[in-house]
């Protein structure tokens, strides 16, 4: 202030206490007082008896007394300008459990896959190895069984194996591979095959993905002199075609 200027009159003690208690986290009391006055929540009347301002009761700020207690109007103002941290709500991130299994239904089989940082264990597998397939099982019979399950279009590569090796089947997605594994594992009711044993299913550790399977097929002798084909087949929209 300018030197010699008269000091403005000090606020009464009761009003200073009221404004100080209404000031949350360092917000200037004048702001709250102005807002409260604008809402009609509190008023200050001049009292000629002592020459100061005295809070009022019933629409005013404080009750009788030197310090008094906040009235309902002040509580409303305090709630309006509250900056308290809201409580956090707990959200469950657990995977929902499936519904009750149908009576007599076999639980789905999922092969073990040791995830790690090295290839191919750093990705979700899609290629399955099948063992104990009947020797008389043909590619046509295998694909017809997949059609009966509604899973033929969820595969893009099939190789029934040769020289006692495992059959390989690649699913379009990892979820499709899990569904295939649950259907093929322990299945033995192949059409026109009397020597059927229970099929054993596992994820392939040597090759994973369609690209790896296609590269492997390039180095195999799939066509024979008698016209037979023992290589893999790849699915194109609506038809299965030999790889070679």
C-alpha atoms as a PDB file:
ATOM      1  CA  UNK A   1       0.000   0.000   0.000  1.00  0.00           C
ATOM      2  CA  UNK A   2       0.987   3.620  -0.463  1.00  0.00           C
ATOM      3  CA  UNK A   3       2.674   5.196   2.553  1.00  0.00           C
ATOM      4  CA  UNK A   4       0.285   7.336   4.518  1.00  0.00           C
ATOM      5  CA  UNK A   5      -2.825   5.659   3.115  1.00  0.00           C
ATOM      6  CA  UNK A   6      -5.357   4.801   5.736  1.00  0.00           C
ATOM      7  CA  UNK A   7      -5.466   1.073   6.600  1.00  0.00           C
ATOM      8  CA  UNK A   8      -8.795  -0.553   5.693  1.00  0.00           C
ATOM      9  CA  UNK A   9     -10.883  -1.627   8.680  1.00  0.00           C
ATOM     10  CA  UNK A  10     -10.136  -5.184   9.874  1.00  0.00           C
ATOM     11  CA  UNK A  11     -12.790  -7.851   9.661  1.00  0.00           C
ATOM     12  CA  UNK A  12     -14.450  -8.850  12.938  1.00  0.00           C
ATOM     13  CA  UNK A  13     -12.955 -11.909  14.635  1.00  0.00           C
ATOM     14  CA  UNK A  14     -16.042 -14.074  14.141  1.00  0.00           C
ATOM     15  CA  UNK A  15     -16.080 -13.390  10.391  1.00  0.00           C
ATOM     16  CA  UNK A  16     -12.347 -14.098  10.098  1.00  0.00           C
ATOM     17  CA  UNK A  17     -12.805 -17.441  11.882  1.00  0.00           C
ATOM     18  CA  UNK A  18     -15.734 -18.322   9.628  1.00  0.00           C
ATOM     19  CA  UNK A  19     -13.842 -17.594   6.429  1.00  0.00           C
ATOM     20  CA  UNK A  20     -10.717 -19.396   7.650  1.00  0.00           C
ATOM     21  CA  UNK A  21     -12.671 -22.556   8.446  1.00  0.00           C
ATOM     22  CA  UNK A  22     -14.372 -22.427   5.042  1.00  0.00           C
ATOM     23  CA  UNK A  23     -11.075 -22.240   3.130  1.00  0.00           C
ATOM     24  CA  UNK A  24     -10.096 -25.759   1.912  1.00  0.00           C
ATOM     25  CA  UNK A  25      -6.479 -26.415   0.887  1.00  0.00           C
ATOM     26  CA  UNK A  26      -5.449 -22.760   0.734  1.00  0.00           C
ATOM     27  CA  UNK A  27      -8.302 -21.439  -1.449  1.00  0.00           C
ATOM     28  CA  UNK A  28      -8.671 -17.694  -0.715  1.00  0.00           C
ATOM     29  CA  UNK A  29     -11.529 -17.170   1.774  1.00  0.00           C
ATOM     30  CA  UNK A  30     -12.786 -14.166  -0.181  1.00  0.00           C
ATOM     31  CA  UNK A  31     -13.679 -16.401  -3.122  1.00  0.00           C
ATOM     32  CA  UNK A  32     -15.803 -18.659  -0.942  1.00  0.00           C
ATOM     33  CA  UNK A  33     -17.401 -15.728   0.840  1.00  0.00           C
ATOM     34  CA  UNK A  34     -18.341 -14.089  -2.456  1.00  0.00           C
ATOM     35  CA  UNK A  35     -19.743 -17.327  -3.860  1.00  0.00           C
ATOM     36  CA  UNK A  36     -21.708 -18.004  -0.723  1.00  0.00           C
ATOM     37  CA  UNK A  37     -23.130 -14.497  -0.758  1.00  0.00           C
ATOM     38  CA  UNK A  38     -24.103 -14.829  -4.424  1.00  0.00           C
ATOM     39  CA  UNK A  39     -26.058 -17.985  -3.666  1.00  0.00           C
ATOM     40  CA  UNK A  40     -27.894 -16.306  -0.861  1.00  0.00           C
ATOM     41  CA  UNK A  41     -26.530 -18.801   1.642  1.00  0.00           C
ATOM     42  CA  UNK A  42     -25.166 -16.257   4.103  1.00  0.00           C
ATOM     43  CA  UNK A  43     -25.338 -12.529   4.778  1.00  0.00           C
ATOM     44  CA  UNK A  44     -23.596 -10.144   7.105  1.00  0.00           C
ATOM     45  CA  UNK A  45     -25.461  -7.365   8.840  1.00  0.00           C
ATOM     46  CA  UNK A  46     -24.032  -4.250  10.369  1.00  0.00           C
ATOM     47  CA  UNK A  47     -24.527  -3.917  14.102  1.00  0.00           C
ATOM     48  CA  UNK A  48     -24.613  -0.308  15.319  1.00  0.00           C
ATOM     49  CA  UNK A  49     -24.150  -1.299  18.940  1.00  0.00           C
ATOM     50  CA  UNK A  50     -20.493  -2.273  18.636  1.00  0.00           C
ATOM     51  CA  UNK A  51     -19.703  -0.682  15.271  1.00  0.00           C
ATOM     52  CA  UNK A  52     -18.723  -4.007  13.643  1.00  0.00           C
ATOM     53  CA  UNK A  53     -20.155  -6.805  11.604  1.00  0.00           C
ATOM     54  CA  UNK A  54     -21.905  -9.605  13.453  1.00  0.00           C
ATOM     55  CA  UNK A  55     -22.931 -12.892  11.851  1.00  0.00           C
ATOM     56  CA  UNK A  56     -26.615 -13.743  11.867  1.00  0.00           C
ATOM     57  CA  UNK A  57     -28.625 -16.882  12.581  1.00  0.00           C
ATOM     58  CA  UNK A  58     -31.252 -18.379  10.289  1.00  0.00           C
ATOM     59  CA  UNK A  59     -29.759 -17.851   6.829  1.00  0.00           C
ATOM     60  CA  UNK A  60     -26.634 -16.237   8.364  1.00  0.00           C
ATOM     61  CA  UNK A  61     -23.195 -17.800   8.878  1.00  0.00           C
ATOM     62  CA  UNK A  62     -22.788 -18.398  12.619  1.00  0.00           C
ATOM     63  CA  UNK A  63     -24.808 -18.912  15.749  1.00  0.00           C
ATOM     64  CA  UNK A  64     -24.487 -16.778  18.885  1.00  0.00           C
ATOM     65  CA  UNK A  65     -21.175 -16.895  20.674  1.00  0.00           C
ATOM     66  CA  UNK A  66     -17.662 -15.650  20.244  1.00  0.00           C
ATOM     67  CA  UNK A  67     -16.655 -18.379  17.792  1.00  0.00           C
ATOM     68  CA  UNK A  68     -19.922 -20.224  17.227  1.00  0.00           C
ATOM     69  CA  UNK A  69     -20.513 -23.275  15.085  1.00  0.00           C
ATOM     70  CA  UNK A  70     -21.135 -23.524  11.304  1.00  0.00           C
ATOM     71  CA  UNK A  71     -24.784 -23.591  10.328  1.00  0.00           C
ATOM     72  CA  UNK A  72     -26.451 -25.603   7.559  1.00  0.00           C
ATOM     73  CA  UNK A  73     -25.769 -22.927   4.955  1.00  0.00           C
ATOM     74  CA  UNK A  74     -22.027 -23.198   5.549  1.00  0.00           C
ATOM     75  CA  UNK A  75     -22.190 -26.987   5.291  1.00  0.00           C
ATOM     76  CA  UNK A  76     -23.814 -26.649   1.888  1.00  0.00           C
ATOM     77  CA  UNK A  77     -21.120 -24.241   0.716  1.00  0.00           C
ATOM     78  CA  UNK A  78     -18.362 -26.518   2.046  1.00  0.00           C
ATOM     79  CA  UNK A  79     -19.812 -29.515   0.203  1.00  0.00           C
ATOM     80  CA  UNK A  80     -20.153 -27.521  -3.015  1.00  0.00           C
ATOM     81  CA  UNK A  81     -16.509 -26.428  -2.971  1.00  0.00           C
ATOM     82  CA  UNK A  82     -15.108 -29.699  -1.609  1.00  0.00           C
ATOM     83  CA  UNK A  83     -11.952 -30.895  -3.378  1.00  0.00           C
ATOM     84  CA  UNK A  84     -11.576 -34.149  -1.481  1.00  0.00           C
ATOM     85  CA  UNK A  85     -10.108 -37.090  -3.436  1.00  0.00           C
ATOM     86  CA  UNK A  86     -12.941 -39.380  -4.619  1.00  0.00           C
ATOM     87  CA  UNK A  87     -12.908 -42.955  -3.465  1.00  0.00           C
ATOM     88  CA  UNK A  88     -11.674 -45.522  -5.962  1.00  0.00           C
ATOM     89  CA  UNK A  89     -13.935 -48.357  -7.034  1.00  0.00           C
ATOM     90  CA  UNK A  90     -12.474 -51.856  -7.268  1.00  0.00           C
ATOM     91  CA  UNK A  91     -12.908 -53.481 -10.686  1.00  0.00           C
ATOM     92  CA  UNK A  92     -12.485 -57.226 -11.057  1.00  0.00           C
ATOM     93  CA  UNK A  93     -10.145 -58.261 -13.902  1.00  0.00           C
ATOM     94  CA  UNK A  94     -10.476 -62.014 -13.397  1.00  0.00           C
ATOM     95  CA  UNK A  95     -11.262 -64.215 -16.376  1.00  0.00           C
ATOM     96  CA  UNK A  96     -14.932 -65.215 -16.151  1.00  0.00           C
ATOM     97  CA  UNK A  97     -15.532 -68.862 -15.577  1.00  0.00           C
ATOM     98  CA  UNK A  98     -17.567 -70.817 -18.050  1.00  0.00           C
ATOM     99  CA  UNK A  99     -21.067 -71.951 -17.326  1.00  0.00           C
ATOM    100  CA  UNK A 100     -21.889 -75.391 -16.006  1.00  0.00           C
ATOM    101  CA  UNK A 101     -20.747 -78.136 -18.356  1.00  0.00           C
ATOM    102  CA  UNK A 102     -23.364 -80.187 -20.078  1.00  0.00           C
ATOM    103  CA  UNK A 103     -24.161 -83.496 -18.462  1.00  0.00           C
ATOM    104  CA  UNK A 104     -21.771 -86.171 -19.714  1.00  0.00           C
ATOM    105  CA  UNK A 105     -19.674 -83.694 -21.699  1.00  0.00           C
ATOM    106  CA  UNK A 106     -15.905 -84.218 -21.725  1.00  0.00           C
ATOM    107  CA  UNK A 107     -13.864 -81.233 -20.559  1.00  0.00           C
ATOM    108  CA  UNK A 108     -11.897 -79.607 -23.385  1.00  0.00           C
ATOM    109  CA  UNK A 109      -8.302 -80.785 -23.749  1.00  0.00           C
ATOM    110  CA  UNK A 110      -5.635 -78.114 -24.179  1.00  0.00           C
ATOM    111  CA  UNK A 111      -2.057 -79.252 -24.960  1.00  0.00           C
ATOM    112  CA  UNK A 112       0.786 -77.891 -22.867  1.00  0.00           C
ATOM    113  CA  UNK A 113       2.836 -75.067 -24.376  1.00  0.00           C
ATOM    114  CA  UNK A 114       5.958 -73.779 -22.540  1.00  0.00           C
ATOM    115  CA  UNK A 115       5.938 -70.066 -23.267  1.00  0.00           C
ATOM    116  CA  UNK A 116       9.369 -68.390 -23.269  1.00  0.00           C
ATOM    117  CA  UNK A 117      11.340 -65.665 -25.040  1.00  0.00           C
ATOM    118  CA  UNK A 118      12.745 -68.034 -27.715  1.00  0.00           C
ATOM    119  CA  UNK A 119      11.157 -69.068 -30.988  1.00  0.00           C
ATOM    120  CA  UNK A 120       8.680 -70.676 -31.394  1.00  0.00           C
ATOM    121  CA  UNK A 121       7.672 -70.517 -27.732  1.00  0.00           C
ATOM    122  CA  UNK A 122       7.351 -66.727 -27.815  1.00  0.00           C
ATOM    123  CA  UNK A 123       4.114 -66.918 -29.797  1.00  0.00           C
ATOM    124  CA  UNK A 124       0.693 -68.474 -29.398  1.00  0.00           C
ATOM    125  CA  UNK A 125       0.876 -71.855 -31.186  1.00  0.00           C
ATOM    126  CA  UNK A 126      -1.412 -72.880 -34.038  1.00  0.00           C
ATOM    127  CA  UNK A 127       0.224 -76.084 -35.361  1.00  0.00           C
ATOM    128  CA  UNK A 128      -0.755 -79.433 -33.817  1.00  0.00           C
ATOM    129  CA  UNK A 129       0.927 -82.834 -33.976  1.00  0.00           C
ATOM    130  CA  UNK A 130      -1.329 -85.882 -34.203  1.00  0.00           C
ATOM    131  CA  UNK A 131      -0.154 -89.387 -33.336  1.00  0.00           C
ATOM    132  CA  UNK A 132      -1.753 -92.852 -33.405  1.00  0.00           C
ATOM    133  CA  UNK A 133      -3.759 -92.131 -36.548  1.00  0.00           C
ATOM    134  CA  UNK A 134      -4.889 -95.272 -38.447  1.00  0.00           C
ATOM    135  CA  UNK A 135      -2.685 -96.310 -41.355  1.00  0.00           C
ATOM    136  CA  UNK A 136      -5.730 -96.619 -43.593  1.00  0.00           C
ATOM    137  CA  UNK A 137      -6.926 -93.106 -42.833  1.00  0.00           C
ATOM    138  CA  UNK A 138      -6.995 -91.036 -46.024  1.00  0.00           C
ATOM    139  CA  UNK A 139      -6.894 -87.299 -46.485  1.00  0.00           C
ATOM    140  CA  UNK A 140     -10.485 -87.360 -47.720  1.00  0.00           C
ATOM    141  CA  UNK A 141     -11.660 -89.244 -44.641  1.00  0.00           C
ATOM    142  CA  UNK A 142      -9.802 -86.874 -42.318  1.00  0.00           C
ATOM    143  CA  UNK A 143     -11.260 -83.732 -43.942  1.00  0.00           C
ATOM    144  CA  UNK A 144     -14.766 -85.231 -43.920  1.00  0.00           C
ATOM    145  CA  UNK A 145     -14.489 -85.746 -40.180  1.00  0.00           C
ATOM    146  CA  UNK A 146     -13.451 -82.113 -39.760  1.00  0.00           C
ATOM    147  CA  UNK A 147     -16.491 -81.069 -41.790  1.00  0.00           C
ATOM    148  CA  UNK A 148     -18.698 -83.167 -39.503  1.00  0.00           C
ATOM    149  CA  UNK A 149     -17.396 -81.130 -36.544  1.00  0.00           C
ATOM    150  CA  UNK A 150     -17.700 -77.845 -38.446  1.00  0.00           C
ATOM    151  CA  UNK A 151     -13.947 -77.229 -38.133  1.00  0.00           C
ATOM    152  CA  UNK A 152     -12.701 -77.765 -41.687  1.00  0.00           C
ATOM    153  CA  UNK A 153     -12.689 -74.045 -42.514  1.00  0.00           C
ATOM    154  CA  UNK A 154     -10.763 -73.255 -39.325  1.00  0.00           C
ATOM    155  CA  UNK A 155      -7.690 -75.050 -40.710  1.00  0.00           C
ATOM    156  CA  UNK A 156      -5.402 -73.962 -43.533  1.00  0.00           C
ATOM    157  CA  UNK A 157      -2.901 -76.863 -43.709  1.00  0.00           C
ATOM    158  CA  UNK A 158      -3.039 -80.636 -43.205  1.00  0.00           C
ATOM    159  CA  UNK A 159      -0.322 -83.237 -43.605  1.00  0.00           C
ATOM    160  CA  UNK A 160      -1.110 -86.790 -42.513  1.00  0.00           C
ATOM    161  CA  UNK A 161       2.530 -87.704 -42.127  1.00  0.00           C
ATOM    162  CA  UNK A 162       4.675 -90.367 -43.734  1.00  0.00           C
ATOM    163  CA  UNK A 163       7.122 -93.064 -42.638  1.00  0.00           C
ATOM    164  CA  UNK A 164       5.599 -93.223 -39.188  1.00  0.00           C
ATOM    165  CA  UNK A 165       5.915 -89.509 -38.510  1.00  0.00           C
ATOM    166  CA  UNK A 166       3.205 -87.468 -36.837  1.00  0.00           C
ATOM    167  CA  UNK A 167       0.463 -85.762 -38.781  1.00  0.00           C
ATOM    168  CA  UNK A 168       0.480 -81.962 -38.793  1.00  0.00           C
ATOM    169  CA  UNK A 169      -2.515 -79.677 -38.876  1.00  0.00           C
ATOM    170  CA  UNK A 170      -2.380 -75.890 -38.705  1.00  0.00           C
ATOM    171  CA  UNK A 171      -5.261 -73.811 -37.423  1.00  0.00           C
ATOM    172  CA  UNK A 172      -6.066 -70.302 -38.586  1.00  0.00           C
ATOM    173  CA  UNK A 173      -6.030 -68.964 -35.023  1.00  0.00           C
ATOM    174  CA  UNK A 174      -4.783 -70.153 -31.663  1.00  0.00           C
ATOM    175  CA  UNK A 175      -8.358 -70.457 -30.403  1.00  0.00           C
ATOM    176  CA  UNK A 176      -9.182 -72.665 -33.409  1.00  0.00           C
ATOM    177  CA  UNK A 177      -6.217 -74.875 -32.572  1.00  0.00           C
ATOM    178  CA  UNK A 178      -7.489 -75.327 -29.017  1.00  0.00           C
ATOM    179  CA  UNK A 179     -10.889 -76.320 -30.352  1.00  0.00           C
ATOM    180  CA  UNK A 180      -9.321 -78.808 -32.759  1.00  0.00           C
ATOM    181  CA  UNK A 181      -7.233 -80.308 -29.970  1.00  0.00           C
ATOM    182  CA  UNK A 182     -10.280 -80.831 -27.778  1.00  0.00           C
ATOM    183  CA  UNK A 183     -12.056 -82.697 -30.601  1.00  0.00           C
ATOM    184  CA  UNK A 184      -9.138 -84.790 -31.867  1.00  0.00           C
ATOM    185  CA  UNK A 185      -7.572 -85.822 -28.556  1.00  0.00           C
ATOM    186  CA  UNK A 186      -8.510 -89.428 -27.698  1.00  0.00           C
ATOM    187  CA  UNK A 187     -10.747 -89.648 -30.800  1.00  0.00           C
ATOM    188  CA  UNK A 188     -10.766 -93.101 -32.426  1.00  0.00           C
ATOM    189  CA  UNK A 189     -14.044 -93.403 -34.358  1.00  0.00           C
ATOM    190  CA  UNK A 190     -12.607 -92.863 -37.839  1.00  0.00           C
ATOM    191  CA  UNK A 191     -14.777 -94.035 -40.717  1.00  0.00           C
ATOM    192  CA  UNK A 192     -13.643 -97.242 -42.496  1.00  0.00           C
ATOM    193  CA  UNK A 193     -10.724 -97.752 -40.102  1.00  0.00           C
ATOM    194  CA  UNK A 194     -10.774-100.861 -37.964  1.00  0.00           C
ATOM    195  CA  UNK A 195      -7.358-100.482 -36.379  1.00  0.00           C
ATOM    196  CA  UNK A 196      -8.196 -97.157 -34.798  1.00  0.00           C
ATOM    197  CA  UNK A 197      -6.428 -96.151 -31.625  1.00  0.00           C
ATOM    198  CA  UNK A 198      -6.931 -93.104 -29.497  1.00  0.00           C
ATOM    199  CA  UNK A 199      -5.389 -90.063 -31.121  1.00  0.00           C
ATOM    200  CA  UNK A 200      -2.781 -88.161 -29.125  1.00  0.00           C
ATOM    201  CA  UNK A 201      -2.580 -84.423 -29.689  1.00  0.00           C
ATOM    202  CA  UNK A 202       0.219 -81.974 -28.829  1.00  0.00           C
ATOM    203  CA  UNK A 203       1.508 -78.639 -30.042  1.00  0.00           C
ATOM    204  CA  UNK A 204       4.348 -79.015 -32.537  1.00  0.00           C
ATOM    205  CA  UNK A 205       7.698 -77.954 -31.089  1.00  0.00           C
ATOM    206  CA  UNK A 206       9.640 -78.268 -34.361  1.00  0.00           C
ATOM    207  CA  UNK A 207       7.408 -76.194 -36.667  1.00  0.00           C
ATOM    208  CA  UNK A 208       4.827 -73.522 -35.986  1.00  0.00           C
ATOM    209  CA  UNK A 209       2.736 -71.511 -38.396  1.00  0.00           C
ATOM    210  CA  UNK A 210       1.750 -71.864 -42.029  1.00  0.00           C
ATOM    211  CA  UNK A 211       4.927 -70.281 -43.378  1.00  0.00           C
ATOM    212  CA  UNK A 212       7.179 -72.768 -41.588  1.00  0.00           C
ATOM    213  CA  UNK A 213       5.092 -75.690 -42.836  1.00  0.00           C
ATOM    214  CA  UNK A 214       5.164 -74.456 -46.442  1.00  0.00           C
ATOM    215  CA  UNK A 215       8.957 -74.130 -46.379  1.00  0.00           C
ATOM    216  CA  UNK A 216       9.279 -77.661 -45.042  1.00  0.00           C
ATOM    217  CA  UNK A 217       7.073 -79.023 -47.831  1.00  0.00           C
ATOM    218  CA  UNK A 218       9.395 -77.630 -50.482  1.00  0.00           C
ATOM    219  CA  UNK A 219      12.101 -80.088 -49.464  1.00  0.00           C
ATOM    220  CA  UNK A 220       9.871 -83.186 -49.389  1.00  0.00           C
ATOM    221  CA  UNK A 221       9.268 -85.644 -52.192  1.00  0.00           C
ATOM    222  CA  UNK A 222       5.463 -85.589 -52.192  1.00  0.00           C
ATOM    223  CA  UNK A 223       4.636 -86.892 -55.685  1.00  0.00           C
ATOM    224  CA  UNK A 224       5.528 -90.484 -56.525  1.00  0.00           C
ATOM    225  CA  UNK A 225       5.965 -92.336 -59.812  1.00  0.00           C
ATOM    226  CA  UNK A 226       2.622 -94.120 -59.472  1.00  0.00           C
ATOM    227  CA  UNK A 227       0.819 -90.764 -59.268  1.00  0.00           C
ATOM    228  CA  UNK A 228       0.120 -90.856 -55.546  1.00  0.00           C
ATOM    229  CA  UNK A 229       0.563 -87.779 -53.397  1.00  0.00           C
ATOM    230  CA  UNK A 230       1.715 -87.968 -49.778  1.00  0.00           C
ATOM    231  CA  UNK A 231       2.406 -84.296 -49.084  1.00  0.00           C
ATOM    232  CA  UNK A 232       0.347 -81.677 -47.352  1.00  0.00           C
ATOM    233  CA  UNK A 233      -2.710 -79.874 -48.589  1.00  0.00           C
ATOM    234  CA  UNK A 234      -3.536 -76.198 -48.168  1.00  0.00           C
ATOM    235  CA  UNK A 235      -6.993 -74.697 -47.883  1.00  0.00           C
ATOM    236  CA  UNK A 236      -8.091 -72.040 -50.327  1.00  0.00           C
ATOM    237  CA  UNK A 237     -11.642 -70.644 -50.255  1.00  0.00           C
ATOM    238  CA  UNK A 238     -13.869 -73.641 -50.884  1.00  0.00           C
ATOM    239  CA  UNK A 239     -11.244 -76.240 -51.867  1.00  0.00           C
ATOM    240  CA  UNK A 240      -8.174 -78.108 -50.581  1.00  0.00           C
ATOM    241  CA  UNK A 241      -5.184 -78.153 -52.959  1.00  0.00           C
ATOM    242  CA  UNK A 242      -1.827 -79.978 -52.866  1.00  0.00           C
ATOM    243  CA  UNK A 243       1.083 -77.830 -51.771  1.00  0.00           C
ATOM    244  CA  UNK A 244       3.502 -79.109 -54.442  1.00  0.00           C
END
